[in-house]
PDB file of N, CA and C in Angstrom:
ATOM      1  N   UNK A   1       0.860  -1.171   0.000  1.00  0.00           N
ATOM      2  CA  UNK A   1       0.000   0.000   0.000  1.00  0.00           C
ATOM      3  C   UNK A   1       0.905   1.232   0.000  1.00  0.00           C
ATOM      4  N   UNK A   2       0.639   2.164  -0.892  1.00  0.00           N
ATOM      5  CA  UNK A   2       1.483   3.351  -0.946  1.00  0.00           C
ATOM      6  C   UNK A   2       1.070   4.359   0.138  1.00  0.00           C
ATOM      7  N   UNK A   3       1.849   5.412   0.217  1.00  0.00           N
ATOM      8  CA  UNK A   3       1.648   6.407   1.281  1.00  0.00           C
ATOM      9  C   UNK A   3       0.288   7.109   1.175  1.00  0.00           C
ATOM     10  N   UNK A   4      -0.138   7.403  -0.051  1.00  0.00           N
ATOM     11  CA  UNK A   4      -1.436   8.066  -0.247  1.00  0.00           C
ATOM     12  C   UNK A   4      -2.576   7.176   0.242  1.00  0.00           C
ATOM     13  N   UNK A   5      -2.521   5.902  -0.084  1.00  0.00           N
ATOM     14  CA  UNK A   5      -3.560   4.969   0.346  1.00  0.00           C
ATOM     15  C   UNK A   5      -3.579   4.814   1.862  1.00  0.00           C
ATOM     16  N   UNK A   6      -2.401   4.838   2.478  1.00  0.00           N
ATOM     17  CA  UNK A   6      -2.341   4.755   3.938  1.00  0.00           C
ATOM     18  C   UNK A   6      -3.001   5.971   4.584  1.00  0.00           C
ATOM     19  N   UNK A   7      -2.740   7.152   4.021  1.00  0.00           N
ATOM     20  CA  UNK A   7      -3.372   8.370   4.565  1.00  0.00           C
ATOM     21  C   UNK A   7      -4.884   8.313   4.395  1.00  0.00           C
ATOM     22  N   UNK A   8      -5.339   7.837   3.251  1.00  0.00           N
ATOM     23  CA  UNK A   8      -6.775   7.747   3.001  1.00  0.00           C
ATOM     24  C   UNK A   8      -7.415   6.739   3.949  1.00  0.00           C
ATOM     25  N   UNK A   9      -6.765   5.589   4.145  1.00  0.00           N
ATOM     26  CA  UNK A   9      -7.290   4.588   5.077  1.00  0.00           C
ATOM     27  C   UNK A   9      -7.352   5.136   6.499  1.00  0.00           C
ATOM     28  N   UNK A  10      -6.335   5.886   6.904  1.00  0.00           N
ATOM     29  CA  UNK A  10      -6.345   6.477   8.243  1.00  0.00           C
ATOM     30  C   UNK A  10      -7.486   7.484   8.368  1.00  0.00           C
ATOM     31  N   UNK A  11      -7.689   8.280   7.322  1.00  0.00           N
ATOM     32  CA  UNK A  11      -8.802   9.226   7.331  1.00  0.00           C
ATOM     33  C   UNK A  11     -10.149   8.525   7.387  1.00  0.00           C
ATOM     34  N   UNK A  12     -10.284   7.405   6.656  1.00  0.00           N
ATOM     35  CA  UNK A  12     -11.536   6.640   6.685  1.00  0.00           C
ATOM     36  C   UNK A  12     -11.791   6.056   8.073  1.00  0.00           C
ATOM     37  N   UNK A  13     -10.727   5.571   8.718  1.00  0.00           N
ATOM     38  CA  UNK A  13     -10.900   5.050  10.086  1.00  0.00           C
ATOM     39  C   UNK A  13     -11.366   6.148  11.036  1.00  0.00           C
ATOM     40  N   UNK A  14     -10.760   7.328  10.911  1.00  0.00           N
ATOM     41  CA  UNK A  14     -11.155   8.452  11.770  1.00  0.00           C
ATOM     42  C   UNK A  14     -12.608   8.851  11.492  1.00  0.00           C
ATOM     43  N   UNK A  15     -13.006   8.858  10.214  1.00  0.00           N
ATOM     44  CA  UNK A  15     -14.393   9.172   9.858  1.00  0.00           C
ATOM     45  C   UNK A  15     -15.354   8.153  10.449  1.00  0.00           C
ATOM     46  N   UNK A  16     -15.015   6.862  10.298  1.00  0.00           N
ATOM     47  CA  UNK A  16     -15.880   5.806  10.832  1.00  0.00           C
ATOM     48  C   UNK A  16     -16.049   5.939  12.335  1.00  0.00           C
ATOM     49  N   UNK A  17     -14.946   6.223  13.029  1.00  0.00           N
ATOM     50  CA  UNK A  17     -15.026   6.359  14.481  1.00  0.00           C
ATOM     51  C   UNK A  17     -15.870   7.569  14.878  1.00  0.00           C
ATOM     52  N   UNK A  18     -15.672   8.678  14.173  1.00  0.00           N
ATOM     53  CA  UNK A  18     -16.440   9.882  14.481  1.00  0.00           C
ATOM     54  C   UNK A  18     -17.932   9.658  14.234  1.00  0.00           C
ATOM     55  N   UNK A  19     -18.273   8.959  13.171  1.00  0.00           N
ATOM     56  CA  UNK A  19     -19.683   8.677  12.879  1.00  0.00           C
ATOM     57  C   UNK A  19     -20.258   7.733  13.920  1.00  0.00           C
ATOM     58  N   UNK A  20     -19.490   6.726  14.293  1.00  0.00           N
ATOM     59  CA  UNK A  20     -19.954   5.751  15.286  1.00  0.00           C
ATOM     60  C   UNK A  20     -20.191   6.422  16.646  1.00  0.00           C
ATOM     61  N   UNK A  21     -19.352   7.396  16.998  1.00  0.00           N
ATOM     62  CA  UNK A  21     -19.483   8.081  18.285  1.00  0.00           C
ATOM     63  C   UNK A  21     -20.489   9.229  18.245  1.00  0.00           C
ATOM     64  N   UNK A  22     -21.110   9.466  17.102  1.00  0.00           N
ATOM     65  CA  UNK A  22     -22.134  10.505  17.004  1.00  0.00           C
ATOM     66  C   UNK A  22     -21.591  11.898  16.780  1.00  0.00           C
ATOM     67  N   UNK A  23     -20.342  12.016  16.366  1.00  0.00           N
ATOM     68  CA  UNK A  23     -19.759  13.332  16.129  1.00  0.00           C
ATOM     69  C   UNK A  23     -20.087  13.863  14.738  1.00  0.00           C
ATOM     70  N   UNK A  24     -20.536  12.970  13.856  1.00  0.00           N
ATOM     71  CA  UNK A  24     -20.883  13.350  12.489  1.00  0.00           C
ATOM     72  C   UNK A  24     -22.264  12.830  12.137  1.00  0.00           C
ATOM     73  N   UNK A  25     -23.016  13.619  11.413  1.00  0.00           N
ATOM     74  CA  UNK A  25     -24.295  13.155  10.889  1.00  0.00           C
ATOM     75  C   UNK A  25     -24.062  12.294   9.658  1.00  0.00           C
ATOM     76  N   UNK A  26     -25.106  11.621   9.215  1.00  0.00           N
ATOM     77  CA  UNK A  26     -24.984  10.690   8.089  1.00  0.00           C
ATOM     78  C   UNK A  26     -24.551  11.396   6.810  1.00  0.00           C
ATOM     79  N   UNK A  27     -25.183  12.520   6.506  1.00  0.00           N
ATOM     80  CA  UNK A  27     -24.860  13.216   5.256  1.00  0.00           C
ATOM     81  C   UNK A  27     -23.445  13.779   5.272  1.00  0.00           C
ATOM     82  N   UNK A  28     -23.041  14.345   6.412  1.00  0.00           N
ATOM     83  CA  UNK A  28     -21.685  14.878   6.536  1.00  0.00           C
ATOM     84  C   UNK A  28     -20.667  13.748   6.411  1.00  0.00           C
ATOM     85  N   UNK A  29     -20.955  12.603   7.028  1.00  0.00           N
ATOM     86  CA  UNK A  29     -20.082  11.433   6.941  1.00  0.00           C
ATOM     87  C   UNK A  29     -19.928  10.992   5.487  1.00  0.00           C
ATOM     88  N   UNK A  30     -21.044  10.900   4.776  1.00  0.00           N
ATOM     89  CA  UNK A  30     -20.990  10.441   3.382  1.00  0.00           C
ATOM     90  C   UNK A  30     -20.220  11.417   2.501  1.00  0.00           C
ATOM     91  N   UNK A  31     -20.428  12.710   2.724  1.00  0.00           N
ATOM     92  CA  UNK A  31     -19.727  13.710   1.905  1.00  0.00           C
ATOM     93  C   UNK A  31     -18.223  13.652   2.153  1.00  0.00           C
ATOM     94  N   UNK A  32     -17.830  13.553   3.417  1.00  0.00           N
ATOM     95  CA  UNK A  32     -16.397  13.493   3.727  1.00  0.00           C
ATOM     96  C   UNK A  32     -15.776  12.190   3.238  1.00  0.00           C
ATOM     97  N   UNK A  33     -16.518  11.097   3.335  1.00  0.00           N
ATOM     98  CA  UNK A  33     -16.015   9.802   2.861  1.00  0.00           C
ATOM     99  C   UNK A  33     -15.836   9.836   1.343  1.00  0.00           C
ATOM    100  N   UNK A  34     -16.807  10.422   0.654  1.00  0.00           N
ATOM    101  CA  UNK A  34     -16.723  10.541  -0.798  1.00  0.00           C
ATOM    102  C   UNK A  34     -15.502  11.371  -1.193  1.00  0.00           C
ATOM    103  N   UNK A  35     -15.261  12.463  -0.464  1.00  0.00           N
ATOM    104  CA  UNK A  35     -14.117  13.319  -0.767  1.00  0.00           C
ATOM    105  C   UNK A  35     -12.802  12.569  -0.543  1.00  0.00           C
ATOM    106  N   UNK A  36     -12.735  11.769   0.513  1.00  0.00           N
ATOM    107  CA  UNK A  36     -11.527  10.983   0.753  1.00  0.00           C
ATOM    108  C   UNK A  36     -11.303   9.946  -0.335  1.00  0.00           C
ATOM    109  N   UNK A  37     -12.370   9.266  -0.726  1.00  0.00           N
ATOM    110  CA  UNK A  37     -12.226   8.210  -1.729  1.00  0.00           C
ATOM    111  C   UNK A  37     -11.899   8.765  -3.117  1.00  0.00           C
ATOM    112  N   UNK A  38     -12.221  10.023  -3.367  1.00  0.00           N
ATOM    113  CA  UNK A  38     -11.860  10.630  -4.644  1.00  0.00           C
ATOM    114  C   UNK A  38     -10.347  10.706  -4.800  1.00  0.00           C
ATOM    115  N   UNK A  39      -9.618  10.673  -3.692  1.00  0.00           N
ATOM    116  CA  UNK A  39      -8.162  10.677  -3.744  1.00  0.00           C
ATOM    117  C   UNK A  39      -7.593   9.404  -4.340  1.00  0.00           C
ATOM    118  N   UNK A  40      -8.386   8.350  -4.427  1.00  0.00           N
ATOM    119  CA  UNK A  40      -7.924   7.097  -5.025  1.00  0.00           C
ATOM    120  C   UNK A  40      -8.023   7.114  -6.542  1.00  0.00           C
ATOM    121  N   UNK A  41      -8.722   8.075  -7.087  1.00  0.00           N
ATOM    122  CA  UNK A  41      -8.880   8.154  -8.542  1.00  0.00           C
ATOM    123  C   UNK A  41      -7.586   8.616  -9.193  1.00  0.00           C
ATOM    124  N   UNK A  42      -7.281   8.062 -10.346  1.00  0.00           N
ATOM    125  CA  UNK A  42      -6.120   8.561 -11.080  1.00  0.00           C
ATOM    126  C   UNK A  42      -6.541   9.816 -11.845  1.00  0.00           C
ATOM    127  N   UNK A  43      -5.680  10.327 -12.674  1.00  0.00           N
ATOM    128  CA  UNK A  43      -5.955  11.603 -13.350  1.00  0.00           C
ATOM    129  C   UNK A  43      -7.143  11.517 -14.304  1.00  0.00           C
ATOM    130  N   UNK A  44      -7.508  10.307 -14.773  1.00  0.00           N
ATOM    131  CA  UNK A  44      -8.646  10.156 -15.687  1.00  0.00           C
ATOM    132  C   UNK A  44      -9.961   9.922 -14.956  1.00  0.00           C
ATOM    133  N   UNK A  45      -9.925   9.917 -13.642  1.00  0.00           N
ATOM    134  CA  UNK A  45     -11.143   9.687 -12.876  1.00  0.00           C
ATOM    135  C   UNK A  45     -11.466   8.224 -12.702  1.00  0.00           C
ATOM    136  N   UNK A  46     -10.513   7.322 -13.003  1.00  0.00           N
ATOM    137  CA  UNK A  46     -10.729   5.890 -12.866  1.00  0.00           C
ATOM    138  C   UNK A  46     -10.110   5.437 -11.559  1.00  0.00           C
ATOM    139  N   UNK A  47     -10.880   4.698 -10.776  1.00  0.00           N
ATOM    140  CA  UNK A  47     -10.373   4.218  -9.499  1.00  0.00           C
ATOM    141  C   UNK A  47      -9.306   3.161  -9.734  1.00  0.00           C
ATOM    142  N   UNK A  48      -8.231   3.252  -8.973  1.00  0.00           N
ATOM    143  CA  UNK A  48      -7.148   2.287  -9.101  1.00  0.00           C
ATOM    144  C   UNK A  48      -7.643   0.902  -8.698  1.00  0.00           C
ATOM    145  N   UNK A  49      -7.148  -0.130  -9.364  1.00  0.00           N
ATOM    146  CA  UNK A  49      -7.565  -1.497  -9.091  1.00  0.00           C
ATOM    147  C   UNK A  49      -7.060  -1.938  -7.726  1.00  0.00           C
ATOM    148  N   UNK A  50      -7.940  -2.529  -6.931  1.00  0.00           N
ATOM    149  CA  UNK A  50      -7.612  -3.047  -5.600  1.00  0.00           C
ATOM    150  C   UNK A  50      -6.954  -1.982  -4.719  1.00  0.00           C
ATOM    151  N   UNK A  51      -7.412  -0.757  -4.825  1.00  0.00           N
ATOM    152  CA  UNK A  51      -6.779   0.333  -4.089  1.00  0.00           C
ATOM    153  C   UNK A  51      -6.981   0.212  -2.584  1.00  0.00           C
ATOM    154  N   UNK A  52      -8.063  -0.427  -2.170  1.00  0.00           N
ATOM    155  CA  UNK A  52      -8.349  -0.515  -0.741  1.00  0.00           C
ATOM    156  C   UNK A  52      -7.840  -1.826  -0.151  1.00  0.00           C
ATOM    157  N   UNK A  53      -7.541  -2.813  -0.982  1.00  0.00           N
ATOM    158  CA  UNK A  53      -7.066  -4.104  -0.492  1.00  0.00           C
ATOM    159  C   UNK A  53      -5.665  -3.955   0.090  1.00  0.00           C
ATOM    160  N   UNK A  54      -5.336  -4.731   1.131  1.00  0.00           N
ATOM    161  CA  UNK A  54      -3.998  -4.635   1.718  1.00  0.00           C
ATOM    162  C   UNK A  54      -2.945  -5.105   0.724  1.00  0.00           C
ATOM    163  N   UNK A  55      -1.787  -4.504   0.785  1.00  0.00           N
ATOM    164  CA  UNK A  55      -0.706  -4.863  -0.124  1.00  0.00           C
ATOM    165  C   UNK A  55      -0.127  -6.213   0.284  1.00  0.00           C
ATOM    166  N   UNK A  56       0.236  -6.983  -0.722  1.00  0.00           N
ATOM    167  CA  UNK A  56       0.834  -8.292  -0.453  1.00  0.00           C
ATOM    168  C   UNK A  56       2.294  -8.104  -0.073  1.00  0.00           C
ATOM    169  N   UNK A  57       2.748  -8.881   0.899  1.00  0.00           N
ATOM    170  CA  UNK A  57       4.153  -8.819   1.303  1.00  0.00           C
ATOM    171  C   UNK A  57       4.895  -9.945   0.613  1.00  0.00           C
ATOM    172  N   UNK A  58       6.190  -9.807   0.543  1.00  0.00           N
ATOM    173  CA  UNK A  58       6.996 -10.835  -0.082  1.00  0.00           C
ATOM    174  C   UNK A  58       7.068 -12.098   0.756  1.00  0.00           C
ATOM    175  N   UNK A  59       6.781 -12.010   2.037  1.00  0.00           N
ATOM    176  CA  UNK A  59       6.900 -13.149   2.946  1.00  0.00           C
ATOM    177  C   UNK A  59       5.594 -13.904   3.077  1.00  0.00           C
ATOM    178  N   UNK A  60       5.369 -14.389   4.269  1.00  0.00           N
ATOM    179  CA  UNK A  60       4.162 -15.174   4.535  1.00  0.00           C
ATOM    180  C   UNK A  60       2.930 -14.277   4.626  1.00  0.00           C
ATOM    181  N   UNK A  61       1.725 -14.809   4.315  1.00  0.00           N
ATOM    182  CA  UNK A  61       0.515 -13.973   4.304  1.00  0.00           C
ATOM    183  C   UNK A  61       0.176 -13.365   5.660  1.00  0.00           C
ATOM    184  N   UNK A  62       0.539 -14.023   6.758  1.00  0.00           N
ATOM    185  CA  UNK A  62       0.169 -13.486   8.064  1.00  0.00           C
ATOM    186  C   UNK A  62       1.083 -12.348   8.494  1.00  0.00           C
ATOM    187  N   UNK A  63       2.062 -11.991   7.657  1.00  0.00           N
ATOM    188  CA  UNK A  63       2.996 -10.917   7.985  1.00  0.00           C
ATOM    189  C   UNK A  63       2.561  -9.561   7.425  1.00  0.00           C
ATOM    190  N   UNK A  64       1.314  -9.439   7.020  1.00  0.00           N
ATOM    191  CA  UNK A  64       0.831  -8.166   6.484  1.00  0.00           C
ATOM    192  C   UNK A  64       0.934  -7.116   7.580  1.00  0.00           C
ATOM    193  N   UNK A  65       1.587  -6.010   7.245  1.00  0.00           N
ATOM    194  CA  UNK A  65       1.752  -4.949   8.242  1.00  0.00           C
ATOM    195  C   UNK A  65       0.415  -4.326   8.571  1.00  0.00           C
ATOM    196  N   UNK A  66       0.209  -4.097   9.834  1.00  0.00           N
ATOM    197  CA  UNK A  66      -1.018  -3.442  10.276  1.00  0.00           C
ATOM    198  C   UNK A  66      -0.653  -2.086  10.850  1.00  0.00           C
ATOM    199  N   UNK A  67      -1.381  -1.095  10.403  1.00  0.00           N
ATOM    200  CA  UNK A  67      -1.150   0.252  10.896  1.00  0.00           C
ATOM    201  C   UNK A  67      -2.028   0.475  12.117  1.00  0.00           C
ATOM    202  N   UNK A  68      -1.475   1.119  13.115  1.00  0.00           N
ATOM    203  CA  UNK A  68      -2.245   1.385  14.327  1.00  0.00           C
ATOM    204  C   UNK A  68      -3.396   2.324  13.998  1.00  0.00           C
ATOM    205  N   UNK A  69      -4.594   2.052  14.539  1.00  0.00           N
ATOM    206  CA  UNK A  69      -5.718   2.951  14.279  1.00  0.00           C
ATOM    207  C   UNK A  69      -5.453   4.319  14.897  1.00  0.00           C
ATOM    208  N   UNK A  70      -6.051   5.353  14.336  1.00  0.00           N
ATOM    209  CA  UNK A  70      -5.834   6.688  14.891  1.00  0.00           C
ATOM    210  C   UNK A  70      -6.364   6.758  16.318  1.00  0.00           C
ATOM    211  N   UNK A  71      -5.656   7.497  17.133  1.00  0.00           N
ATOM    212  CA  UNK A  71      -6.055   7.632  18.536  1.00  0.00           C
ATOM    213  C   UNK A  71      -7.337   8.425  18.675  1.00  0.00           C
ATOM    214  N   UNK A  72      -7.970   8.336  19.827  1.00  0.00           N
ATOM    215  CA  UNK A  72      -9.223   9.077  20.034  1.00  0.00           C
ATOM    216  C   UNK A  72      -9.016  10.580  19.981  1.00  0.00           C
ATOM    217  N   UNK A  73      -7.805  11.042  20.330  1.00  0.00           N
ATOM    218  CA  UNK A  73      -7.572  12.477  20.303  1.00  0.00           C
ATOM    219  C   UNK A  73      -7.537  13.005  18.871  1.00  0.00           C
ATOM    220  N   UNK A  74      -7.102  12.192  17.897  1.00  0.00           N
ATOM    221  CA  UNK A  74      -7.098  12.640  16.505  1.00  0.00           C
ATOM    222  C   UNK A  74      -8.516  12.815  15.986  1.00  0.00           C
ATOM    223  N   UNK A  75      -9.371  11.823  16.241  1.00  0.00           N
ATOM    224  CA  UNK A  75     -10.759  11.917  15.790  1.00  0.00           C
ATOM    225  C   UNK A  75     -11.467  13.068  16.504  1.00  0.00           C
ATOM    226  N   UNK A  76     -11.171  13.263  17.776  1.00  0.00           N
ATOM    227  CA  UNK A  76     -11.784  14.351  18.528  1.00  0.00           C
ATOM    228  C   UNK A  76     -11.377  15.716  18.009  1.00  0.00           C
ATOM    229  N   UNK A  77     -10.149  15.803  17.532  1.00  0.00           N
ATOM    230  CA  UNK A  77      -9.674  17.066  16.976  1.00  0.00           C
ATOM    231  C   UNK A  77     -10.332  17.351  15.638  1.00  0.00           C
ATOM    232  N   UNK A  78     -10.474  16.315  14.817  1.00  0.00           N
ATOM    233  CA  UNK A  78     -11.049  16.509  13.491  1.00  0.00           C
ATOM    234  C   UNK A  78     -12.558  16.727  13.520  1.00  0.00           C
ATOM    235  N   UNK A  79     -13.230  16.049  14.440  1.00  0.00           N
ATOM    236  CA  UNK A  79     -14.689  16.077  14.469  1.00  0.00           C
ATOM    237  C   UNK A  79     -15.164  16.388  15.881  1.00  0.00           C
ATOM    238  N   UNK A  80     -15.607  17.606  16.160  1.00  0.00           N
ATOM    239  CA  UNK A  80     -16.063  17.945  17.508  1.00  0.00           C
ATOM    240  C   UNK A  80     -17.316  17.148  17.882  1.00  0.00           C
ATOM    241  N   UNK A  81     -17.468  16.901  19.160  1.00  0.00           N
ATOM    242  CA  UNK A  81     -18.586  16.116  19.660  1.00  0.00           C
ATOM    243  C   UNK A  81     -19.870  16.939  19.574  1.00  0.00           C
ATOM    244  N   UNK A  82     -20.857  16.429  18.827  1.00  0.00           N
ATOM    245  CA  UNK A  82     -22.121  17.163  18.631  1.00  0.00           C
ATOM    246  C   UNK A  82     -22.910  17.278  19.920  1.00  0.00           C
ATOM    247  N   UNK A  83     -22.871  16.240  20.760  1.00  0.00           N
ATOM    248  CA  UNK A  83     -23.641  16.296  22.010  1.00  0.00           C
ATOM    249  C   UNK A  83     -23.120  17.390  22.921  1.00  0.00           C
ATOM    250  N   UNK A  84     -21.797  17.520  23.021  1.00  0.00           N
ATOM    251  CA  UNK A  84     -21.220  18.559  23.875  1.00  0.00           C
ATOM    252  C   UNK A  84     -21.593  19.940  23.353  1.00  0.00           C
ATOM    253  N   UNK A  85     -21.552  20.101  22.041  1.00  0.00           N
ATOM    254  CA  UNK A  85     -21.913  21.395  21.447  1.00  0.00           C
ATOM    255  C   UNK A  85     -23.386  21.715  21.706  1.00  0.00           C
ATOM    256  N   UNK A  86     -24.253  20.688  21.636  1.00  0.00           N
ATOM    257  CA  UNK A  86     -25.680  20.901  21.878  1.00  0.00           C
ATOM    258  C   UNK A  86     -25.911  21.316  23.336  1.00  0.00           C
ATOM    259  N   UNK A  87     -25.221  20.678  24.275  1.00  0.00           N
ATOM    260  CA  UNK A  87     -25.365  21.035  25.689  1.00  0.00           C
ATOM    261  C   UNK A  87     -24.885  22.463  25.913  1.00  0.00           C
ATOM    262  N   UNK A  88     -23.776  22.838  25.288  1.00  0.00           N
ATOM    263  CA  UNK A  88     -23.282  24.205  25.425  1.00  0.00           C
ATOM    264  C   UNK A  88     -24.292  25.212  24.872  1.00  0.00           C
ATOM    265  N   UNK A  89     -24.928  24.878  23.765  1.00  0.00           N
ATOM    266  CA  UNK A  89     -25.928  25.766  23.178  1.00  0.00           C
ATOM    267  C   UNK A  89     -27.124  25.929  24.110  1.00  0.00           C
ATOM    268  N   UNK A  90     -27.586  24.812  24.697  1.00  0.00           N
ATOM    269  CA  UNK A  90     -28.715  24.891  25.630  1.00  0.00           C
ATOM    270  C   UNK A  90     -28.352  25.700  26.871  1.00  0.00           C
ATOM    271  N   UNK A  91     -27.155  25.516  27.396  1.00  0.00           N
ATOM    272  CA  UNK A  91     -26.730  26.284  28.568  1.00  0.00           C
ATOM    273  C   UNK A  91     -26.675  27.774  28.250  1.00  0.00           C
ATOM    274  N   UNK A  92     -26.191  28.110  27.077  1.00  0.00           N
ATOM    275  CA  UNK A  92     -26.152  29.508  26.665  1.00  0.00           C
ATOM    276  C   UNK A  92     -27.565  30.077  26.539  1.00  0.00           C
ATOM    277  N   UNK A  93     -28.491  29.299  25.982  1.00  0.00           N
ATOM    278  CA  UNK A  93     -29.871  29.758  25.842  1.00  0.00           C
ATOM    279  C   UNK A  93     -30.529  29.963  27.208  1.00  0.00           C
ATOM    280  N   UNK A  94     -30.311  29.039  28.131  1.00  0.00           N
ATOM    281  CA  UNK A  94     -30.896  29.157  29.473  1.00  0.00           C
ATOM    282  C   UNK A  94     -30.306  30.363  30.198  1.00  0.00           C
ATOM    283  N   UNK A  95     -28.983  30.572  30.066  1.00  0.00           N
ATOM    284  CA  UNK A  95     -28.358  31.732  30.704  1.00  0.00           C
ATOM    285  C   UNK A  95     -28.914  33.034  30.116  1.00  0.00           C
ATOM    286  N   UNK A  96     -29.112  33.070  28.802  1.00  0.00           N
ATOM    287  CA  UNK A  96     -29.682  34.263  28.172  1.00  0.00           C
ATOM    288  C   UNK A  96     -31.102  34.522  28.636  1.00  0.00           C
ATOM    289  N   UNK A  97     -31.894  33.470  28.774  1.00  0.00           N
ATOM    290  CA  UNK A  97     -33.264  33.607  29.249  1.00  0.00           C
ATOM    291  C   UNK A  97     -33.286  34.115  30.689  1.00  0.00           C
ATOM    292  N   UNK A  98     -32.408  33.580  31.534  1.00  0.00           N
ATOM    293  CA  UNK A  98     -32.345  34.030  32.928  1.00  0.00           C
ATOM    294  C   UNK A  98     -31.949  35.500  32.998  1.00  0.00           C
ATOM    295  N   UNK A  99     -30.995  35.907  32.179  1.00  0.00           N
ATOM    296  CA  UNK A  99     -30.582  37.308  32.162  1.00  0.00           C
ATOM    297  C   UNK A  99     -31.720  38.209  31.694  1.00  0.00           C
ATOM    298  N   UNK A 100     -32.455  37.772  30.686  1.00  0.00           N
ATOM    299  CA  UNK A 100     -33.586  38.559  30.198  1.00  0.00           C
ATOM    300  C   UNK A 100     -34.663  38.691  31.282  1.00  0.00           C
ATOM    301  N   UNK A 101     -34.943  37.613  32.002  1.00  0.00           N
ATOM    302  CA  UNK A 101     -35.943  37.669  33.078  1.00  0.00           C
ATOM    303  C   UNK A 101     -35.496  38.598  34.196  1.00  0.00           C
ATOM    304  N   UNK A 102     -34.215  38.562  34.546  1.00  0.00           N
ATOM    305  CA  UNK A 102     -33.702  39.486  35.572  1.00  0.00           C
ATOM    306  C   UNK A 102     -33.817  40.932  35.105  1.00  0.00           C
ATOM    307  N   UNK A 103     -33.551  41.176  33.856  1.00  0.00           N
ATOM    308  CA  UNK A 103     -33.665  42.532  33.313  1.00  0.00           C
ATOM    309  C   UNK A 103     -35.115  43.010  33.350  1.00  0.00           C
ATOM    310  N   UNK A 104     -36.037  42.152  32.947  1.00  0.00           N
ATOM    311  CA  UNK A 104     -37.466  42.498  32.992  1.00  0.00           C
ATOM    312  C   UNK A 104     -37.908  42.770  34.429  1.00  0.00           C
ATOM    313  N   UNK A 105     -37.465  41.925  35.368  1.00  0.00           N
ATOM    314  CA  UNK A 105     -37.799  42.110  36.781  1.00  0.00           C
ATOM    315  C   UNK A 105     -37.266  43.455  37.289  1.00  0.00           C
ATOM    316  N   UNK A 106     -36.028  43.800  36.910  1.00  0.00           N
ATOM    317  CA  UNK A 106     -35.450  45.067  37.329  1.00  0.00           C
ATOM    318  C   UNK A 106     -36.199  46.260  36.782  1.00  0.00           C
ATOM    319  N   UNK A 107     -36.606  46.176  35.527  1.00  0.00           N
ATOM    320  CA  UNK A 107     -37.365  47.282  34.923  1.00  0.00           C
ATOM    321  C   UNK A 107     -38.728  47.408  35.593  1.00  0.00           C
ATOM    322  N   UNK A 108     -39.356  46.282  35.903  1.00  0.00           N
ATOM    323  CA  UNK A 108     -40.671  46.315  36.576  1.00  0.00           C
ATOM    324  C   UNK A 108     -40.546  46.933  37.972  1.00  0.00           C
ATOM    325  N   UNK A 109     -39.458  46.638  38.669  1.00  0.00           N
ATOM    326  CA  UNK A 109     -39.270  47.204  40.016  1.00  0.00           C
ATOM    327  C   UNK A 109     -39.062  48.705  39.941  1.00  0.00           C
ATOM    328  N   UNK A 110     -38.302  49.176  38.938  1.00  0.00           N
ATOM    329  CA  UNK A 110     -38.063  50.604  38.795  1.00  0.00           C
ATOM    330  C   UNK A 110     -39.337  51.343  38.392  1.00  0.00           C
ATOM    331  N   UNK A 111     -40.134  50.729  37.544  1.00  0.00           N
ATOM    332  CA  UNK A 111     -41.350  51.361  37.071  1.00  0.00           C
ATOM    333  C   UNK A 111     -42.424  51.408  38.151  1.00  0.00           C
ATOM    334  N   UNK A 112     -42.457  50.374  38.959  1.00  0.00           N
ATOM    335  CA  UNK A 112     -43.522  50.290  39.967  1.00  0.00           C
ATOM    336  C   UNK A 112     -43.158  50.975  41.275  1.00  0.00           C
ATOM    337  N   UNK A 113     -41.914  51.161  41.530  1.00  0.00           N
ATOM    338  CA  UNK A 113     -41.572  51.607  42.872  1.00  0.00           C
ATOM    339  C   UNK A 113     -40.963  52.912  42.964  1.00  0.00           C
TER     340      UNK A 113
END
């Protein structure tokens, strides 16, 4: 497997992990996966033969080199957690609502008293 294919495979693993953990929606996952796989096309737009299959080694079949999967910190850096972002958005909305209610209460006290 050449260097480009290794980078693409690593990117696909990171995408799969991010989708599995809920950091990516289905459409975003498909678009990013499609963009990664376009890197396997040659200049004529034809996909290279057996581009995703592991490269054969000169030795025994069980000696195929395995690349370590990307760490969780790499996937976390590339794809932010949607649940955490949603919680932050809700907290911001609740804080804004509380501030607005305090402001309304203050104006009512000044007007009435």
